[in-house]
Amino acid sequence: MTKRNEYAAANIPQYWVVDQNAAQTFAMHRLDGDRYAVRATMPLAWVLNATPAEHNLG
């Protein structure tokens, strides 16, 4: 939680978290006001094979 709050205070627009579980997923969190909301959860393989433009996720 501390890093999340520091990122929000620094106005960092998004950050990603990779889960090292069996499914190997990542979650993209996007700044919404002064808090982060999960914008997308995808398989890690998608991130590794997608183009940078696809990573924006709107």
PDB file of N, CA and C in Angstrom:
ATOM      1  N   MET A   1       0.825  -1.199   0.000  1.00  0.00           N
ATOM      2  CA  MET A   1       0.000   0.000   0.000  1.00  0.00           C
ATOM      3  C   MET A   1       0.862   1.254   0.000  1.00  0.00           C
ATOM      4  N   THR A   2       2.006   1.207   0.667  1.00  0.00           N
ATOM      5  CA  THR A   2       2.859   2.394   0.744  1.00  0.00           C
ATOM      6  C   THR A   2       3.319   2.826  -0.637  1.00  0.00           C
ATOM      7  N   LYS A   3       3.817   1.874  -1.431  1.00  0.00           N
ATOM      8  CA  LYS A   3       4.277   2.227  -2.778  1.00  0.00           C
ATOM      9  C   LYS A   3       3.131   2.795  -3.606  1.00  0.00           C
ATOM     10  N   ARG A   4       1.959   2.171  -3.511  1.00  0.00           N
ATOM     11  CA  ARG A   4       0.800   2.647  -4.258  1.00  0.00           C
ATOM     12  C   ARG A   4       0.500   4.100  -3.920  1.00  0.00           C
ATOM     13  N   ASN A   5       0.506   4.430  -2.646  1.00  0.00           N
ATOM     14  CA  ASN A   5       0.238   5.807  -2.216  1.00  0.00           C
ATOM     15  C   ASN A   5       1.325   6.756  -2.694  1.00  0.00           C
ATOM     16  N   GLU A   6       2.579   6.303  -2.657  1.00  0.00           N
ATOM     17  CA  GLU A   6       3.683   7.142  -3.146  1.00  0.00           C
ATOM     18  C   GLU A   6       3.569   7.358  -4.652  1.00  0.00           C
ATOM     19  N   TYR A   7       3.204   6.313  -5.394  1.00  0.00           N
ATOM     20  CA  TYR A   7       3.019   6.457  -6.840  1.00  0.00           C
ATOM     21  C   TYR A   7       1.910   7.460  -7.142  1.00  0.00           C
ATOM     22  N   ALA A   8       0.804   7.362  -6.420  1.00  0.00           N
ATOM     23  CA  ALA A   8      -0.318   8.281  -6.637  1.00  0.00           C
ATOM     24  C   ALA A   8       0.088   9.712  -6.307  1.00  0.00           C
ATOM     25  N   ALA A   9       0.832   9.901  -5.216  1.00  0.00           N
ATOM     26  CA  ALA A   9       1.286  11.244  -4.838  1.00  0.00           C
ATOM     27  C   ALA A   9       2.228  11.817  -5.894  1.00  0.00           C
ATOM     28  N   ALA A  10       2.995  10.946  -6.554  1.00  0.00           N
ATOM     29  CA  ALA A  10       3.917  11.382  -7.608  1.00  0.00           C
ATOM     30  C   ALA A  10       3.207  11.493  -8.956  1.00  0.00           C
ATOM     31  N   ASN A  11       1.893  11.189  -8.984  1.00  0.00           N
ATOM     32  CA  ASN A  11       1.084  11.285 -10.200  1.00  0.00           C
ATOM     33  C   ASN A  11       1.548  10.328 -11.301  1.00  0.00           C
ATOM     34  N   ILE A  12       2.018   9.150 -10.913  1.00  0.00           N
ATOM     35  CA  ILE A  12       2.411   8.122 -11.878  1.00  0.00           C
ATOM     36  C   ILE A  12       1.125   7.539 -12.465  1.00  0.00           C
ATOM     37  N   PRO A  13       0.935   7.630 -13.785  1.00  0.00           N
ATOM     38  CA  PRO A  13      -0.363   7.301 -14.378  1.00  0.00           C
ATOM     39  C   PRO A  13      -0.761   5.826 -14.293  1.00  0.00           C
ATOM     40  N   GLN A  14       0.211   4.902 -14.277  1.00  0.00           N
ATOM     41  CA  GLN A  14      -0.141   3.494 -14.193  1.00  0.00           C
ATOM     42  C   GLN A  14       1.045   2.687 -13.698  1.00  0.00           C
ATOM     43  N   TYR A  15       0.748   1.525 -13.141  1.00  0.00           N
ATOM     44  CA  TYR A  15       1.787   0.569 -12.809  1.00  0.00           C
ATOM     45  C   TYR A  15       1.223  -0.834 -13.013  1.00  0.00           C
ATOM     46  N   TRP A  16       2.119  -1.789 -13.216  1.00  0.00           N
ATOM     47  CA  TRP A  16       1.724  -3.166 -13.486  1.00  0.00           C
ATOM     48  C   TRP A  16       2.249  -4.074 -12.384  1.00  0.00           C
ATOM     49  N   VAL A  17       1.488  -5.104 -12.085  1.00  0.00           N
ATOM     50  CA  VAL A  17       1.894  -6.116 -11.108  1.00  0.00           C
ATOM     51  C   VAL A  17       1.829  -7.474 -11.798  1.00  0.00           C
ATOM     52  N   VAL A  18       2.927  -8.223 -11.741  1.00  0.00           N
ATOM     53  CA  VAL A  18       2.962  -9.567 -12.301  1.00  0.00           C
ATOM     54  C   VAL A  18       2.808 -10.552 -11.152  1.00  0.00           C
ATOM     55  N   ASP A  19       1.802 -11.416 -11.263  1.00  0.00           N
ATOM     56  CA  ASP A  19       1.579 -12.465 -10.271  1.00  0.00           C
ATOM     57  C   ASP A  19       2.340 -13.706 -10.702  1.00  0.00           C
ATOM     58  N   GLN A  20       3.144 -14.220  -9.799  1.00  0.00           N
ATOM     59  CA  GLN A  20       3.925 -15.413 -10.120  1.00  0.00           C
ATOM     60  C   GLN A  20       3.172 -16.662  -9.682  1.00  0.00           C
ATOM     61  N   ASN A  21       1.889 -16.705 -10.018  1.00  0.00           N
ATOM     62  CA  ASN A  21       1.071 -17.870  -9.730  1.00  0.00           C
ATOM     63  C   ASN A  21       1.091 -18.795 -10.939  1.00  0.00           C
ATOM     64  N   ALA A  22       0.367 -19.873 -10.872  1.00  0.00           N
ATOM     65  CA  ALA A  22       0.355 -20.834 -11.985  1.00  0.00           C
ATOM     66  C   ALA A  22      -0.146 -20.210 -13.281  1.00  0.00           C
ATOM     67  N   ALA A  23      -1.075 -19.270 -13.181  1.00  0.00           N
ATOM     68  CA  ALA A  23      -1.636 -18.636 -14.378  1.00  0.00           C
ATOM     69  C   ALA A  23      -0.709 -17.573 -14.966  1.00  0.00           C
ATOM     70  N   GLN A  24       0.264 -17.087 -14.207  1.00  0.00           N
ATOM     71  CA  GLN A  24       1.198 -16.048 -14.660  1.00  0.00           C
ATOM     72  C   GLN A  24       0.452 -14.886 -15.318  1.00  0.00           C
ATOM     73  N   THR A  25      -0.272 -14.129 -14.524  1.00  0.00           N
ATOM     74  CA  THR A  25      -1.027 -12.994 -15.019  1.00  0.00           C
ATOM     75  C   THR A  25      -0.391 -11.685 -14.570  1.00  0.00           C
ATOM     76  N   PHE A  26      -0.796 -10.594 -15.230  1.00  0.00           N
ATOM     77  CA  PHE A  26      -0.397  -9.272 -14.774  1.00  0.00           C
ATOM     78  C   PHE A  26      -1.656  -8.432 -14.662  1.00  0.00           C
ATOM     79  N   ALA A  27      -1.595  -7.459 -13.779  1.00  0.00           N
ATOM     80  CA  ALA A  27      -2.703  -6.523 -13.625  1.00  0.00           C
ATOM     81  C   ALA A  27      -2.173  -5.123 -13.834  1.00  0.00           C
ATOM     82  N   MET A  28      -2.855  -4.353 -14.691  1.00  0.00           N
ATOM     83  CA  MET A  28      -2.475  -2.971 -14.905  1.00  0.00           C
ATOM     84  C   MET A  28      -3.384  -2.096 -14.049  1.00  0.00           C
ATOM     85  N   HIS A  29      -2.781  -1.260 -13.237  1.00  0.00           N
ATOM     86  CA  HIS A  29      -3.510  -0.333 -12.378  1.00  0.00           C
ATOM     87  C   HIS A  29      -3.338   1.065 -12.948  1.00  0.00           C
ATOM     88  N   ARG A  30      -4.447   1.782 -13.111  1.00  0.00           N
ATOM     89  CA  ARG A  30      -4.410   3.129 -13.671  1.00  0.00           C
ATOM     90  C   ARG A  30      -4.892   4.117 -12.621  1.00  0.00           C
ATOM     91  N   LEU A  31      -4.204   5.259 -12.535  1.00  0.00           N
ATOM     92  CA  LEU A  31      -4.551   6.303 -11.579  1.00  0.00           C
ATOM     93  C   LEU A  31      -5.903   6.899 -11.938  1.00  0.00           C
ATOM     94  N   ASP A  32      -6.791   6.946 -10.944  1.00  0.00           N
ATOM     95  CA  ASP A  32      -8.133   7.494 -11.103  1.00  0.00           C
ATOM     96  C   ASP A  32      -8.347   8.457  -9.939  1.00  0.00           C
ATOM     97  N   GLY A  33      -8.089   9.731 -10.177  1.00  0.00           N
ATOM     98  CA  GLY A  33      -8.113  10.708  -9.088  1.00  0.00           C
ATOM     99  C   GLY A  33      -6.877  10.545  -8.233  1.00  0.00           C
ATOM    100  N   ASP A  34      -7.047  10.192  -6.977  1.00  0.00           N
ATOM    101  CA  ASP A  34      -5.890   9.994  -6.097  1.00  0.00           C
ATOM    102  C   ASP A  34      -5.704   8.528  -5.710  1.00  0.00           C
ATOM    103  N   ARG A  35      -6.409   7.623  -6.431  1.00  0.00           N
ATOM    104  CA  ARG A  35      -6.323   6.191  -6.154  1.00  0.00           C
ATOM    105  C   ARG A  35      -6.150   5.430  -7.459  1.00  0.00           C
ATOM    106  N   TYR A  36      -5.692   4.203  -7.338  1.00  0.00           N
ATOM    107  CA  TYR A  36      -5.538   3.349  -8.508  1.00  0.00           C
ATOM    108  C   TYR A  36      -6.702   2.378  -8.622  1.00  0.00           C
ATOM    109  N   ALA A  37      -7.096   2.118  -9.853  1.00  0.00           N
ATOM    110  CA  ALA A  37      -8.120   1.126 -10.153  1.00  0.00           C
ATOM    111  C   ALA A  37      -7.524   0.120 -11.130  1.00  0.00           C
ATOM    112  N   VAL A  38      -7.896  -1.133 -11.003  1.00  0.00           N
ATOM    113  CA  VAL A  38      -7.429  -2.148 -11.941  1.00  0.00           C
ATOM    114  C   VAL A  38      -8.076  -1.878 -13.291  1.00  0.00           C
ATOM    115  N   ARG A  39      -7.258  -1.682 -14.288  1.00  0.00           N
ATOM    116  CA  ARG A  39      -7.753  -1.386 -15.643  1.00  0.00           C
ATOM    117  C   ARG A  39      -7.848  -2.645 -16.474  1.00  0.00           C
ATOM    118  N   ALA A  40      -6.907  -3.592 -16.242  1.00  0.00           N
ATOM    119  CA  ALA A  40      -6.904  -4.827 -17.028  1.00  0.00           C
ATOM    120  C   ALA A  40      -6.136  -5.901 -16.282  1.00  0.00           C
ATOM    121  N   THR A  41      -6.545  -7.131 -16.485  1.00  0.00           N
ATOM    122  CA  THR A  41      -5.804  -8.298 -16.013  1.00  0.00           C
ATOM    123  C   THR A  41      -5.658  -9.216 -17.212  1.00  0.00           C
ATOM    124  N   MET A  42      -4.420  -9.545 -17.533  1.00  0.00           N
ATOM    125  CA  MET A  42      -4.140 -10.307 -18.747  1.00  0.00           C
ATOM    126  C   MET A  42      -3.094 -11.376 -18.461  1.00  0.00           C
ATOM    127  N   PRO A  43      -3.014 -12.380 -19.325  1.00  0.00           N
ATOM    128  CA  PRO A  43      -1.933 -13.369 -19.207  1.00  0.00           C
ATOM    129  C   PRO A  43      -0.582 -12.710 -19.493  1.00  0.00           C
ATOM    130  N   LEU A  44       0.425 -13.091 -18.761  1.00  0.00           N
ATOM    131  CA  LEU A  44       1.760 -12.529 -18.964  1.00  0.00           C
ATOM    132  C   LEU A  44       2.244 -12.764 -20.398  1.00  0.00           C
ATOM    133  N   ALA A  45       1.892 -13.893 -20.993  1.00  0.00           N
ATOM    134  CA  ALA A  45       2.297 -14.185 -22.370  1.00  0.00           C
ATOM    135  C   ALA A  45       1.808 -13.113 -23.330  1.00  0.00           C
ATOM    136  N   TRP A  46       0.620 -12.533 -23.068  1.00  0.00           N
ATOM    137  CA  TRP A  46       0.107 -11.480 -23.941  1.00  0.00           C
ATOM    138  C   TRP A  46       1.031 -10.266 -23.904  1.00  0.00           C
ATOM    139  N   VAL A  47       1.461  -9.882 -22.700  1.00  0.00           N
ATOM    140  CA  VAL A  47       2.347  -8.717 -22.561  1.00  0.00           C
ATOM    141  C   VAL A  47       3.641  -8.951 -23.325  1.00  0.00           C
ATOM    142  N   LEU A  48       4.179 -10.130 -23.236  1.00  0.00           N
ATOM    143  CA  LEU A  48       5.455 -10.431 -23.879  1.00  0.00           C
ATOM    144  C   LEU A  48       5.352 -10.488 -25.394  1.00  0.00           C
ATOM    145  N   ASN A  49       4.157 -10.743 -25.927  1.00  0.00           N
ATOM    146  CA  ASN A  49       3.975 -10.877 -27.377  1.00  0.00           C
ATOM    147  C   ASN A  49       3.255  -9.704 -28.024  1.00  0.00           C
ATOM    148  N   ALA A  50       2.734  -8.767 -27.247  1.00  0.00           N
ATOM    149  CA  ALA A  50       1.993  -7.623 -27.789  1.00  0.00           C
ATOM    150  C   ALA A  50       2.952  -6.488 -28.160  1.00  0.00           C
ATOM    151  N   THR A  51       2.483  -5.604 -29.012  1.00  0.00           N
ATOM    152  CA  THR A  51       3.279  -4.430 -29.370  1.00  0.00           C
ATOM    153  C   THR A  51       3.121  -3.371 -28.277  1.00  0.00           C
ATOM    154  N   PRO A  52       4.072  -2.439 -28.164  1.00  0.00           N
ATOM    155  CA  PRO A  52       3.944  -1.376 -27.169  1.00  0.00           C
ATOM    156  C   PRO A  52       2.634  -0.594 -27.276  1.00  0.00           C
ATOM    157  N   ALA A  53       2.123  -0.378 -28.489  1.00  0.00           N
ATOM    158  CA  ALA A  53       0.859   0.347 -28.649  1.00  0.00           C
ATOM    159  C   ALA A  53      -0.296  -0.410 -28.003  1.00  0.00           C
ATOM    160  N   GLU A  54      -0.255  -1.725 -28.036  1.00  0.00           N
ATOM    161  CA  GLU A  54      -1.314  -2.523 -27.412  1.00  0.00           C
ATOM    162  C   GLU A  54      -1.240  -2.479 -25.888  1.00  0.00           C
ATOM    163  N   HIS A  55      -0.076  -2.180 -25.339  1.00  0.00           N
ATOM    164  CA  HIS A  55       0.088  -2.137 -23.896  1.00  0.00           C
ATOM    165  C   HIS A  55      -0.650  -0.959 -23.245  1.00  0.00           C
ATOM    166  N   ASN A  56      -0.955   0.074 -23.999  1.00  0.00           N
ATOM    167  CA  ASN A  56      -1.618   1.241 -23.419  1.00  0.00           C
ATOM    168  C   ASN A  56      -2.989   0.898 -22.859  1.00  0.00           C
ATOM    169  N   LEU A  57      -3.715   0.041 -23.521  1.00  0.00           N
ATOM    170  CA  LEU A  57      -5.024  -0.442 -23.067  1.00  0.00           C
ATOM    171  C   LEU A  57      -6.031   0.668 -22.806  1.00  0.00           C
ATOM    172  N   GLY A  58      -5.865   1.801 -23.443  1.00  0.00           N
ATOM    173  CA  GLY A  58      -6.840   2.885 -23.348  1.00  0.00           C
ATOM    174  C   GLY A  58      -6.979   3.480 -22.057  1.00  0.00           C
TER     175      GLY A  58
END
